[in-house]
C-alpha cells in the first residue's frame, strides 16, 4: 500500500509517499481502507518538532529521536471496513466508518488497522468521506476541553474562544452552541465570515482590538490554538471562571461517545465539517505547507483513495 512517511523532522518536504506493507488485522481489530484523512495542527507539530522549553526536551522521548518512531502521520480518517479479525462483533465488512487513531497515527496511508473498541464509529449517513474525515480531530479536542471546563454543568454560560477559525476553534463554536452557551470568538478580520456562519454570538477581531482590555467577564475561556496564557486573561475571569488551553502535555482524552455525539449532530444538521481545502494524496506536502501558513479556516482534508 501507499503511505506518507515522515523521513525526519523538518519542513513539509521531509514527507515521502512510498510503498509499505499492508497491515493485517489481529484478533479484535478491523482493517479500514482509508478514503480520506485530514492534516491537522497535531500532524504538523509532530513533523516539525519545533517545541520550546521543557516540551522540546520531552517530546523526542515520546515521539522518537531524529524522526518519528511512528513515521506514518495522520490521526483522523474515514473509510470502510475491508477485513476484520476474529471476535469482532461491533462492525461488519463494508461498514463505512470514521474516527481517530490517536498516538498510533498512521492515517496518511491507504489502510490502517484499529481495535473495534478504539475511537471508531459508523460515519454519519449523510456525510461524504471528506466531511467525515474532517469531523473527529478538532471536534473531539473541543469536546474534551470544553467539558473539562464544565460547560455541561449549566446552560447559557459565557464562553470566549481564542483562535476560533482553526479545526479546534471552529468545532468549539458548534459544541459550545450545542450546550446553549453564549459564544464570543476572537479571530482575525479574515475569519469573521466563518464564525458568523457557525453561529457565534459575538466576534472580537484581534487585528482591530485587544480582547484582554474588554470590560467583560467570561465563565469559560478556551485557547484553541495554544497562543494565550491564563495570566493574559486575568481581567476577563472571575473567581469561578475556567481557563483551558490545547497547549502543554495534557492531550485530549478519547472516548467513542464523542464520535457518537458528533455523528448525531451531523446527521441532524447541527454540525458543519468546515472544510477549507481538499488535496489529493500525492499533494500531501502541499497540504502540510498550507497548514504551516496558519491561515487555514477549519480543516484541510486529504483524499486517500
C-alpha atoms as a PDB file:
ATOM      1  CA  UNK A   1       0.000   0.000   0.000  1.00  0.00           C
ATOM      2  CA  UNK A   2       0.999   3.653  -0.317  1.00  0.00           C
ATOM      3  CA  UNK A   3       1.791   5.678   2.780  1.00  0.00           C
ATOM      4  CA  UNK A   4       3.208   9.126   3.503  1.00  0.00           C
ATOM      5  CA  UNK A   5       6.367   8.619   5.564  1.00  0.00           C
ATOM      6  CA  UNK A   6       7.943  11.343   7.705  1.00  0.00           C
ATOM      7  CA  UNK A   7      11.611  10.619   6.989  1.00  0.00           C
ATOM      8  CA  UNK A   8      12.929  13.078   9.591  1.00  0.00           C
ATOM      9  CA  UNK A   9      11.812  16.153  11.500  1.00  0.00           C
ATOM     10  CA  UNK A  10      11.609  19.310   9.432  1.00  0.00           C
ATOM     11  CA  UNK A  11       9.802  21.143   6.629  1.00  0.00           C
ATOM     12  CA  UNK A  12       6.935  19.558   4.639  1.00  0.00           C
ATOM     13  CA  UNK A  13       9.437  18.212   2.108  1.00  0.00           C
ATOM     14  CA  UNK A  14      10.546  15.527   4.609  1.00  0.00           C
ATOM     15  CA  UNK A  15       7.323  13.688   3.740  1.00  0.00           C
ATOM     16  CA  UNK A  16       7.661  10.986   1.079  1.00  0.00           C
ATOM     17  CA  UNK A  17       4.970   8.722  -0.359  1.00  0.00           C
ATOM     18  CA  UNK A  18       6.321   5.178  -0.539  1.00  0.00           C
ATOM     19  CA  UNK A  19       5.134   1.578  -0.739  1.00  0.00           C
ATOM     20  CA  UNK A  20       4.887  -0.195   2.617  1.00  0.00           C
ATOM     21  CA  UNK A  21       3.439  -3.490   3.780  1.00  0.00           C
ATOM     22  CA  UNK A  22      -0.344  -3.528   4.040  1.00  0.00           C
ATOM     23  CA  UNK A  23      -1.338  -4.262   7.650  1.00  0.00           C
ATOM     24  CA  UNK A  24      -3.328  -7.324   8.705  1.00  0.00           C
ATOM     25  CA  UNK A  25      -5.909  -7.079  11.491  1.00  0.00           C
ATOM     26  CA  UNK A  26      -5.235  -9.008  14.683  1.00  0.00           C
ATOM     27  CA  UNK A  27      -7.971 -10.518  16.820  1.00  0.00           C
ATOM     28  CA  UNK A  28     -10.402  -7.792  17.816  1.00  0.00           C
ATOM     29  CA  UNK A  29      -9.165  -5.418  15.098  1.00  0.00           C
ATOM     30  CA  UNK A  30     -10.615  -4.137  11.838  1.00  0.00           C
ATOM     31  CA  UNK A  31      -8.784  -3.235   8.631  1.00  0.00           C
ATOM     32  CA  UNK A  32     -10.001   0.054   7.199  1.00  0.00           C
ATOM     33  CA  UNK A  33      -9.488   1.130   3.616  1.00  0.00           C
ATOM     34  CA  UNK A  34      -8.999   4.864   4.100  1.00  0.00           C
ATOM     35  CA  UNK A  35     -10.896   7.086   1.712  1.00  0.00           C
ATOM     36  CA  UNK A  36      -9.980  10.416   3.313  1.00  0.00           C
ATOM     37  CA  UNK A  37      -7.869  11.789   6.124  1.00  0.00           C
ATOM     38  CA  UNK A  38      -7.013  15.253   7.417  1.00  0.00           C
ATOM     39  CA  UNK A  39      -3.855  17.258   8.058  1.00  0.00           C
ATOM     40  CA  UNK A  40      -4.191  18.953  11.411  1.00  0.00           C
ATOM     41  CA  UNK A  41      -2.027  21.082  13.667  1.00  0.00           C
ATOM     42  CA  UNK A  42      -1.102  17.923  15.557  1.00  0.00           C
ATOM     43  CA  UNK A  43       0.386  16.362  12.411  1.00  0.00           C
ATOM     44  CA  UNK A  44       2.487  19.408  11.558  1.00  0.00           C
ATOM     45  CA  UNK A  45       3.515  19.782  15.203  1.00  0.00           C
ATOM     46  CA  UNK A  46       4.933  16.250  15.168  1.00  0.00           C
ATOM     47  CA  UNK A  47       6.579  16.736  11.774  1.00  0.00           C
ATOM     48  CA  UNK A  48       8.315  19.974  12.762  1.00  0.00           C
ATOM     49  CA  UNK A  49       9.185  19.084  16.367  1.00  0.00           C
ATOM     50  CA  UNK A  50       9.663  22.784  16.974  1.00  0.00           C
ATOM     51  CA  UNK A  51       8.539  22.850  20.598  1.00  0.00           C
ATOM     52  CA  UNK A  52      10.091  25.241  23.073  1.00  0.00           C
ATOM     53  CA  UNK A  53      11.261  24.874  26.656  1.00  0.00           C
ATOM     54  CA  UNK A  54      10.567  21.646  28.529  1.00  0.00           C
ATOM     55  CA  UNK A  55       8.478  20.284  25.646  1.00  0.00           C
ATOM     56  CA  UNK A  56      11.492  20.476  23.330  1.00  0.00           C
ATOM     57  CA  UNK A  57      13.331  18.155  25.707  1.00  0.00           C
ATOM     58  CA  UNK A  58      10.408  15.845  26.456  1.00  0.00           C
ATOM     59  CA  UNK A  59       8.869  15.320  23.027  1.00  0.00           C
ATOM     60  CA  UNK A  60      11.712  13.294  21.414  1.00  0.00           C
ATOM     61  CA  UNK A  61      11.373  10.754  24.238  1.00  0.00           C
ATOM     62  CA  UNK A  62       7.694  10.423  23.341  1.00  0.00           C
ATOM     63  CA  UNK A  63       7.878  10.665  19.551  1.00  0.00           C
ATOM     64  CA  UNK A  64      11.367   9.436  18.687  1.00  0.00           C
ATOM     65  CA  UNK A  65      14.836  10.860  18.168  1.00  0.00           C
ATOM     66  CA  UNK A  66      15.823  12.170  14.732  1.00  0.00           C
ATOM     67  CA  UNK A  67      12.497  11.143  13.214  1.00  0.00           C
ATOM     68  CA  UNK A  68       9.088   9.977  14.440  1.00  0.00           C
ATOM     69  CA  UNK A  69       9.063   6.459  15.850  1.00  0.00           C
ATOM     70  CA  UNK A  70       5.729   6.065  14.072  1.00  0.00           C
ATOM     71  CA  UNK A  71       6.602   7.616  10.702  1.00  0.00           C
ATOM     72  CA  UNK A  72       3.133   7.488   9.122  1.00  0.00           C
ATOM     73  CA  UNK A  73       1.387  10.587  10.472  1.00  0.00           C
ATOM     74  CA  UNK A  74      -2.314  11.358  10.436  1.00  0.00           C
ATOM     75  CA  UNK A  75      -4.845  10.678  13.187  1.00  0.00           C
ATOM     76  CA  UNK A  76      -8.204  11.426  11.573  1.00  0.00           C
ATOM     77  CA  UNK A  77      -9.753   9.093   8.998  1.00  0.00           C
ATOM     78  CA  UNK A  78     -12.849   7.908   7.193  1.00  0.00           C
ATOM     79  CA  UNK A  79     -13.276   4.840   5.029  1.00  0.00           C
ATOM     80  CA  UNK A  80     -14.838   1.403   5.023  1.00  0.00           C
ATOM     81  CA  UNK A  81     -14.046  -1.914   6.653  1.00  0.00           C
ATOM     82  CA  UNK A  82     -12.347  -4.302   4.270  1.00  0.00           C
ATOM     83  CA  UNK A  83     -11.438  -7.077   6.697  1.00  0.00           C
ATOM     84  CA  UNK A  84     -11.928  -7.919  10.345  1.00  0.00           C
ATOM     85  CA  UNK A  85     -10.095 -10.117  12.800  1.00  0.00           C
ATOM     86  CA  UNK A  86     -11.548 -12.838  14.987  1.00  0.00           C
ATOM     87  CA  UNK A  87     -14.095 -11.921  17.644  1.00  0.00           C
ATOM     88  CA  UNK A  88     -15.050  -8.586  16.052  1.00  0.00           C
ATOM     89  CA  UNK A  89     -18.761  -8.106  16.702  1.00  0.00           C
ATOM     90  CA  UNK A  90     -19.280  -4.335  16.612  1.00  0.00           C
ATOM     91  CA  UNK A  91     -18.726  -3.899  12.861  1.00  0.00           C
ATOM     92  CA  UNK A  92     -19.241  -5.757   9.591  1.00  0.00           C
ATOM     93  CA  UNK A  93     -17.219  -5.815   6.397  1.00  0.00           C
ATOM     94  CA  UNK A  94     -18.339  -2.936   4.202  1.00  0.00           C
ATOM     95  CA  UNK A  95     -19.373  -0.636   7.066  1.00  0.00           C
ATOM     96  CA  UNK A  96     -18.471   2.993   6.424  1.00  0.00           C
ATOM     97  CA  UNK A  97     -16.652   4.377   9.454  1.00  0.00           C
ATOM     98  CA  UNK A  98     -14.775   7.400  10.793  1.00  0.00           C
ATOM     99  CA  UNK A  99     -12.578   8.048  13.757  1.00  0.00           C
ATOM    100  CA  UNK A 100      -9.157   8.701  15.257  1.00  0.00           C
ATOM    101  CA  UNK A 101      -6.025   6.616  15.610  1.00  0.00           C
ATOM    102  CA  UNK A 102      -4.596   8.707  18.468  1.00  0.00           C
ATOM    103  CA  UNK A 103      -0.857   8.469  19.145  1.00  0.00           C
ATOM    104  CA  UNK A 104      -0.709   5.408  16.910  1.00  0.00           C
ATOM    105  CA  UNK A 105      -1.315   7.796  13.975  1.00  0.00           C
ATOM    106  CA  UNK A 106      -0.992   6.015  10.603  1.00  0.00           C
ATOM    107  CA  UNK A 107      -3.987   7.586   8.841  1.00  0.00           C
ATOM    108  CA  UNK A 108      -1.955   9.106   5.993  1.00  0.00           C
ATOM    109  CA  UNK A 109      -1.981   5.769   4.236  1.00  0.00           C
ATOM    110  CA  UNK A 110      -4.294   3.624   2.135  1.00  0.00           C
ATOM    111  CA  UNK A 111      -5.030   1.231   5.022  1.00  0.00           C
ATOM    112  CA  UNK A 112      -4.958   1.241   8.795  1.00  0.00           C
ATOM    113  CA  UNK A 113      -5.889  -1.269  11.496  1.00  0.00           C
ATOM    114  CA  UNK A 114      -7.633  -0.270  14.691  1.00  0.00           C
ATOM    115  CA  UNK A 115      -9.242  -2.067  17.603  1.00  0.00           C
ATOM    116  CA  UNK A 116     -13.002  -2.339  17.304  1.00  0.00           C
ATOM    117  CA  UNK A 117     -13.051  -0.865  20.834  1.00  0.00           C
ATOM    118  CA  UNK A 118     -10.959   2.115  19.698  1.00  0.00           C
ATOM    119  CA  UNK A 119     -12.004   5.570  18.513  1.00  0.00           C
ATOM    120  CA  UNK A 120     -14.029   4.374  15.557  1.00  0.00           C
ATOM    121  CA  UNK A 121     -17.738   4.560  14.754  1.00  0.00           C
ATOM    122  CA  UNK A 122     -20.053   4.328  11.800  1.00  0.00           C
ATOM    123  CA  UNK A 123     -19.773   7.567   9.868  1.00  0.00           C
ATOM    124  CA  UNK A 124     -22.735   9.945   9.607  1.00  0.00           C
ATOM    125  CA  UNK A 125     -25.060   8.592   6.943  1.00  0.00           C
ATOM    126  CA  UNK A 126     -25.335  11.973   5.221  1.00  0.00           C
ATOM    127  CA  UNK A 127     -21.590  12.786   5.295  1.00  0.00           C
ATOM    128  CA  UNK A 128     -19.171  12.387   2.427  1.00  0.00           C
ATOM    129  CA  UNK A 129     -15.908  10.632   3.234  1.00  0.00           C
ATOM    130  CA  UNK A 130     -14.177  14.026   3.094  1.00  0.00           C
ATOM    131  CA  UNK A 131     -16.623  15.533   5.587  1.00  0.00           C
ATOM    132  CA  UNK A 132     -16.385  12.504   7.879  1.00  0.00           C
ATOM    133  CA  UNK A 133     -12.572  12.740   7.933  1.00  0.00           C
ATOM    134  CA  UNK A 134     -12.781  16.444   8.813  1.00  0.00           C
ATOM    135  CA  UNK A 135     -15.008  15.952  11.842  1.00  0.00           C
ATOM    136  CA  UNK A 136     -13.120  13.952  14.518  1.00  0.00           C
ATOM    137  CA  UNK A 137      -9.829  15.685  15.383  1.00  0.00           C
ATOM    138  CA  UNK A 138     -10.955  19.249  16.061  1.00  0.00           C
ATOM    139  CA  UNK A 139     -14.314  18.234  17.463  1.00  0.00           C
ATOM    140  CA  UNK A 140     -13.059  15.623  19.906  1.00  0.00           C
ATOM    141  CA  UNK A 141     -10.443  18.119  21.162  1.00  0.00           C
ATOM    142  CA  UNK A 142     -13.114  20.789  21.557  1.00  0.00           C
ATOM    143  CA  UNK A 143     -15.466  18.434  23.396  1.00  0.00           C
ATOM    144  CA  UNK A 144     -12.732  17.287  25.763  1.00  0.00           C
ATOM    145  CA  UNK A 145     -11.540  20.750  26.789  1.00  0.00           C
ATOM    146  CA  UNK A 146     -14.989  22.358  26.976  1.00  0.00           C
ATOM    147  CA  UNK A 147     -16.255  19.504  29.136  1.00  0.00           C
ATOM    148  CA  UNK A 148     -13.101  19.810  31.240  1.00  0.00           C
ATOM    149  CA  UNK A 149     -14.176  23.436  31.737  1.00  0.00           C
ATOM    150  CA  UNK A 150     -17.587  22.161  32.940  1.00  0.00           C
ATOM    151  CA  UNK A 151     -19.620  23.542  30.043  1.00  0.00           C
ATOM    152  CA  UNK A 152     -22.080  20.692  30.516  1.00  0.00           C
ATOM    153  CA  UNK A 153     -22.898  21.634  34.102  1.00  0.00           C
ATOM    154  CA  UNK A 154     -25.191  24.545  33.327  1.00  0.00           C
ATOM    155  CA  UNK A 155     -26.676  26.232  30.235  1.00  0.00           C
ATOM    156  CA  UNK A 156     -26.129  29.766  28.964  1.00  0.00           C
ATOM    157  CA  UNK A 157     -22.527  30.089  30.091  1.00  0.00           C
ATOM    158  CA  UNK A 158     -20.475  32.860  28.525  1.00  0.00           C
ATOM    159  CA  UNK A 159     -17.659  31.274  26.538  1.00  0.00           C
ATOM    160  CA  UNK A 160     -14.747  33.026  24.835  1.00  0.00           C
ATOM    161  CA  UNK A 161     -12.899  31.041  22.156  1.00  0.00           C
ATOM    162  CA  UNK A 162      -9.487  32.296  21.086  1.00  0.00           C
ATOM    163  CA  UNK A 163      -8.355  31.021  17.683  1.00  0.00           C
ATOM    164  CA  UNK A 164     -11.887  30.332  16.534  1.00  0.00           C
ATOM    165  CA  UNK A 165     -11.242  29.546  12.875  1.00  0.00           C
ATOM    166  CA  UNK A 166      -8.910  26.546  13.113  1.00  0.00           C
ATOM    167  CA  UNK A 167     -10.174  22.963  13.211  1.00  0.00           C
ATOM    168  CA  UNK A 168     -10.470  23.015  17.015  1.00  0.00           C
ATOM    169  CA  UNK A 169     -11.863  26.537  17.266  1.00  0.00           C
ATOM    170  CA  UNK A 170     -14.487  26.057  14.553  1.00  0.00           C
ATOM    171  CA  UNK A 171     -15.586  22.863  16.272  1.00  0.00           C
ATOM    172  CA  UNK A 172     -15.603  24.554  19.679  1.00  0.00           C
ATOM    173  CA  UNK A 173     -18.072  27.197  18.489  1.00  0.00           C
ATOM    174  CA  UNK A 174     -20.502  24.499  17.438  1.00  0.00           C
ATOM    175  CA  UNK A 175     -20.027  22.322  20.510  1.00  0.00           C
ATOM    176  CA  UNK A 176     -20.475  25.324  22.810  1.00  0.00           C
ATOM    177  CA  UNK A 177     -23.692  26.263  20.994  1.00  0.00           C
ATOM    178  CA  UNK A 178     -24.852  22.662  21.434  1.00  0.00           C
ATOM    179  CA  UNK A 179     -24.576  23.320  25.169  1.00  0.00           C
ATOM    180  CA  UNK A 180     -26.563  26.573  24.741  1.00  0.00           C
ATOM    181  CA  UNK A 181     -23.605  28.795  25.551  1.00  0.00           C
ATOM    182  CA  UNK A 182     -23.258  32.443  24.583  1.00  0.00           C
ATOM    183  CA  UNK A 183     -20.168  32.346  22.380  1.00  0.00           C
ATOM    184  CA  UNK A 184     -17.691  35.145  21.806  1.00  0.00           C
ATOM    185  CA  UNK A 185     -14.908  34.426  19.323  1.00  0.00           C
ATOM    186  CA  UNK A 186     -11.500  36.023  18.865  1.00  0.00           C
ATOM    187  CA  UNK A 187     -10.160  35.846  15.323  1.00  0.00           C
ATOM    188  CA  UNK A 188      -8.790  37.976  12.501  1.00  0.00           C
ATOM    189  CA  UNK A 189     -10.967  40.024  10.174  1.00  0.00           C
ATOM    190  CA  UNK A 190     -10.453  37.315   7.541  1.00  0.00           C
ATOM    191  CA  UNK A 191     -12.162  34.786   9.815  1.00  0.00           C
ATOM    192  CA  UNK A 192     -15.174  36.888  10.685  1.00  0.00           C
ATOM    193  CA  UNK A 193     -17.392  35.426   7.960  1.00  0.00           C
ATOM    194  CA  UNK A 194     -16.751  31.851   9.073  1.00  0.00           C
ATOM    195  CA  UNK A 195     -17.501  32.384  12.770  1.00  0.00           C
ATOM    196  CA  UNK A 196     -20.762  34.102  11.875  1.00  0.00           C
ATOM    197  CA  UNK A 197     -21.700  31.163   9.639  1.00  0.00           C
ATOM    198  CA  UNK A 198     -21.042  28.874  12.605  1.00  0.00           C
ATOM    199  CA  UNK A 199     -23.472  30.973  14.696  1.00  0.00           C
ATOM    200  CA  UNK A 200     -21.060  32.644  17.110  1.00  0.00           C
ATOM    201  CA  UNK A 201     -22.921  35.321  19.068  1.00  0.00           C
ATOM    202  CA  UNK A 202     -20.108  37.870  19.141  1.00  0.00           C
ATOM    203  CA  UNK A 203     -16.809  38.354  17.346  1.00  0.00           C
ATOM    204  CA  UNK A 204     -13.727  40.254  18.516  1.00  0.00           C
ATOM    205  CA  UNK A 205     -11.179  40.976  15.786  1.00  0.00           C
ATOM    206  CA  UNK A 206      -7.715  40.724  17.306  1.00  0.00           C
ATOM    207  CA  UNK A 207      -6.247  42.765  14.440  1.00  0.00           C
ATOM    208  CA  UNK A 208      -8.617  45.591  15.397  1.00  0.00           C
ATOM    209  CA  UNK A 209      -8.949  45.316  19.169  1.00  0.00           C
ATOM    210  CA  UNK A 210      -7.105  43.954  22.221  1.00  0.00           C
ATOM    211  CA  UNK A 211      -9.648  41.465  23.592  1.00  0.00           C
ATOM    212  CA  UNK A 212      -7.940  41.404  27.011  1.00  0.00           C
ATOM    213  CA  UNK A 213      -8.977  45.022  27.584  1.00  0.00           C
ATOM    214  CA  UNK A 214     -12.681  44.234  27.397  1.00  0.00           C
ATOM    215  CA  UNK A 215     -14.744  45.200  30.433  1.00  0.00           C
ATOM    216  CA  UNK A 216     -16.429  41.806  30.495  1.00  0.00           C
ATOM    217  CA  UNK A 217     -16.231  38.506  32.371  1.00  0.00           C
ATOM    218  CA  UNK A 218     -16.491  35.005  30.919  1.00  0.00           C
ATOM    219  CA  UNK A 219     -17.370  31.694  32.537  1.00  0.00           C
ATOM    220  CA  UNK A 220     -15.003  29.809  30.220  1.00  0.00           C
ATOM    221  CA  UNK A 221     -12.019  30.945  28.163  1.00  0.00           C
ATOM    222  CA  UNK A 222     -10.784  28.346  25.696  1.00  0.00           C
ATOM    223  CA  UNK A 223      -7.455  28.898  23.963  1.00  0.00           C
ATOM    224  CA  UNK A 224      -7.970  26.671  20.909  1.00  0.00           C
ATOM    225  CA  UNK A 225      -4.528  27.323  19.395  1.00  0.00           C
ATOM    226  CA  UNK A 226      -2.190  27.470  22.383  1.00  0.00           C
ATOM    227  CA  UNK A 227      -1.177  31.112  21.992  1.00  0.00           C
ATOM    228  CA  UNK A 228      -2.527  32.915  25.061  1.00  0.00           C
ATOM    229  CA  UNK A 229      -1.882  32.371  28.752  1.00  0.00           C
ATOM    230  CA  UNK A 230      -4.230  32.453  31.701  1.00  0.00           C
ATOM    231  CA  UNK A 231      -2.301  35.454  33.008  1.00  0.00           C
ATOM    232  CA  UNK A 232      -3.166  37.434  29.872  1.00  0.00           C
ATOM    233  CA  UNK A 233      -6.846  36.737  30.520  1.00  0.00           C
ATOM    234  CA  UNK A 234      -6.876  37.634  34.222  1.00  0.00           C
ATOM    235  CA  UNK A 235      -9.180  40.648  33.812  1.00  0.00           C
ATOM    236  CA  UNK A 236     -11.730  38.541  31.915  1.00  0.00           C
ATOM    237  CA  UNK A 237     -12.020  35.868  34.598  1.00  0.00           C
ATOM    238  CA  UNK A 238     -13.882  35.843  37.892  1.00  0.00           C
ATOM    239  CA  UNK A 239     -13.316  33.526  40.841  1.00  0.00           C
ATOM    240  CA  UNK A 240     -15.460  30.759  39.327  1.00  0.00           C
ATOM    241  CA  UNK A 241     -14.229  31.068  35.739  1.00  0.00           C
ATOM    242  CA  UNK A 242     -12.251  28.358  33.995  1.00  0.00           C
ATOM    243  CA  UNK A 243      -9.396  28.737  31.520  1.00  0.00           C
ATOM    244  CA  UNK A 244      -8.384  25.809  29.307  1.00  0.00           C
ATOM    245  CA  UNK A 245      -5.814  25.521  26.525  1.00  0.00           C
ATOM    246  CA  UNK A 246      -4.761  22.930  23.968  1.00  0.00           C
ATOM    247  CA  UNK A 247      -1.080  23.502  24.675  1.00  0.00           C
ATOM    248  CA  UNK A 248       1.061  21.509  27.091  1.00  0.00           C
ATOM    249  CA  UNK A 249       1.392  17.843  27.982  1.00  0.00           C
ATOM    250  CA  UNK A 250      -2.316  17.253  28.548  1.00  0.00           C
ATOM    251  CA  UNK A 251      -3.680  15.756  25.310  1.00  0.00           C
ATOM    252  CA  UNK A 252      -7.408  15.395  24.847  1.00  0.00           C
ATOM    253  CA  UNK A 253      -8.633  12.028  26.076  1.00  0.00           C
ATOM    254  CA  UNK A 254     -10.582   9.989  23.559  1.00  0.00           C
ATOM    255  CA  UNK A 255     -13.989   8.388  24.090  1.00  0.00           C
ATOM    256  CA  UNK A 256     -16.195   6.727  21.483  1.00  0.00           C
ATOM    257  CA  UNK A 257     -19.141   8.607  22.974  1.00  0.00           C
ATOM    258  CA  UNK A 258     -17.646  11.730  21.399  1.00  0.00           C
ATOM    259  CA  UNK A 259     -17.907  10.182  17.929  1.00  0.00           C
ATOM    260  CA  UNK A 260     -21.480   9.084  18.567  1.00  0.00           C
ATOM    261  CA  UNK A 261     -22.380  12.636  19.628  1.00  0.00           C
ATOM    262  CA  UNK A 262     -20.737  14.072  16.520  1.00  0.00           C
ATOM    263  CA  UNK A 263     -22.499  11.596  14.256  1.00  0.00           C
ATOM    264  CA  UNK A 264     -25.851  12.567  15.783  1.00  0.00           C
ATOM    265  CA  UNK A 265     -25.151  16.294  15.470  1.00  0.00           C
ATOM    266  CA  UNK A 266     -24.061  15.973  11.837  1.00  0.00           C
ATOM    267  CA  UNK A 267     -26.985  13.762  10.842  1.00  0.00           C
ATOM    268  CA  UNK A 268     -29.352  16.304  12.409  1.00  0.00           C
ATOM    269  CA  UNK A 269     -27.586  19.141  10.558  1.00  0.00           C
ATOM    270  CA  UNK A 270     -26.350  20.729  13.764  1.00  0.00           C
ATOM    271  CA  UNK A 271     -22.675  20.385  12.925  1.00  0.00           C
ATOM    272  CA  UNK A 272     -20.616  21.603   9.973  1.00  0.00           C
ATOM    273  CA  UNK A 273     -17.436  19.759   8.987  1.00  0.00           C
ATOM    274  CA  UNK A 274     -15.859  23.122   7.990  1.00  0.00           C
ATOM    275  CA  UNK A 275     -13.521  22.123   5.177  1.00  0.00           C
ATOM    276  CA  UNK A 276     -11.113  24.766   3.889  1.00  0.00           C
ATOM    277  CA  UNK A 277      -9.250  22.828   1.179  1.00  0.00           C
ATOM    278  CA  UNK A 278      -9.104  19.288  -0.179  1.00  0.00           C
ATOM    279  CA  UNK A 279      -5.828  17.890  -1.519  1.00  0.00           C
ATOM    280  CA  UNK A 280      -5.048  14.656  -3.331  1.00  0.00           C
ATOM    281  CA  UNK A 281      -2.823  12.155  -1.523  1.00  0.00           C
ATOM    282  CA  UNK A 282       0.082  12.941  -3.849  1.00  0.00           C
ATOM    283  CA  UNK A 283      -0.232  16.585  -2.739  1.00  0.00           C
ATOM    284  CA  UNK A 284       0.375  15.892   0.955  1.00  0.00           C
ATOM    285  CA  UNK A 285       3.498  18.087   1.009  1.00  0.00           C
ATOM    286  CA  UNK A 286       1.419  20.996  -0.316  1.00  0.00           C
ATOM    287  CA  UNK A 287      -1.256  20.252   2.305  1.00  0.00           C
ATOM    288  CA  UNK A 288       1.293  20.411   5.137  1.00  0.00           C
ATOM    289  CA  UNK A 289       2.753  23.568   3.654  1.00  0.00           C
ATOM    290  CA  UNK A 290      -0.699  25.186   3.633  1.00  0.00           C
ATOM    291  CA  UNK A 291      -1.401  24.198   7.254  1.00  0.00           C
ATOM    292  CA  UNK A 292       2.010  25.636   8.214  1.00  0.00           C
ATOM    293  CA  UNK A 293       0.919  29.075   6.970  1.00  0.00           C
ATOM    294  CA  UNK A 294      -1.508  29.313   9.875  1.00  0.00           C
ATOM    295  CA  UNK A 295      -4.170  30.671   7.533  1.00  0.00           C
ATOM    296  CA  UNK A 296      -6.402  27.627   7.185  1.00  0.00           C
ATOM    297  CA  UNK A 297     -10.037  28.004   8.162  1.00  0.00           C
ATOM    298  CA  UNK A 298     -11.356  24.803   9.668  1.00  0.00           C
ATOM    299  CA  UNK A 299      -9.979  21.591   8.201  1.00  0.00           C
ATOM    300  CA  UNK A 300      -7.606  20.513   5.446  1.00  0.00           C
ATOM    301  CA  UNK A 301      -8.591  17.144   4.002  1.00  0.00           C
ATOM    302  CA  UNK A 302      -6.576  14.570   2.032  1.00  0.00           C
ATOM    303  CA  UNK A 303      -8.353  12.298  -0.458  1.00  0.00           C
ATOM    304  CA  UNK A 304      -6.528   8.999   0.012  1.00  0.00           C
ATOM    305  CA  UNK A 305      -8.469   6.648  -2.286  1.00  0.00           C
END
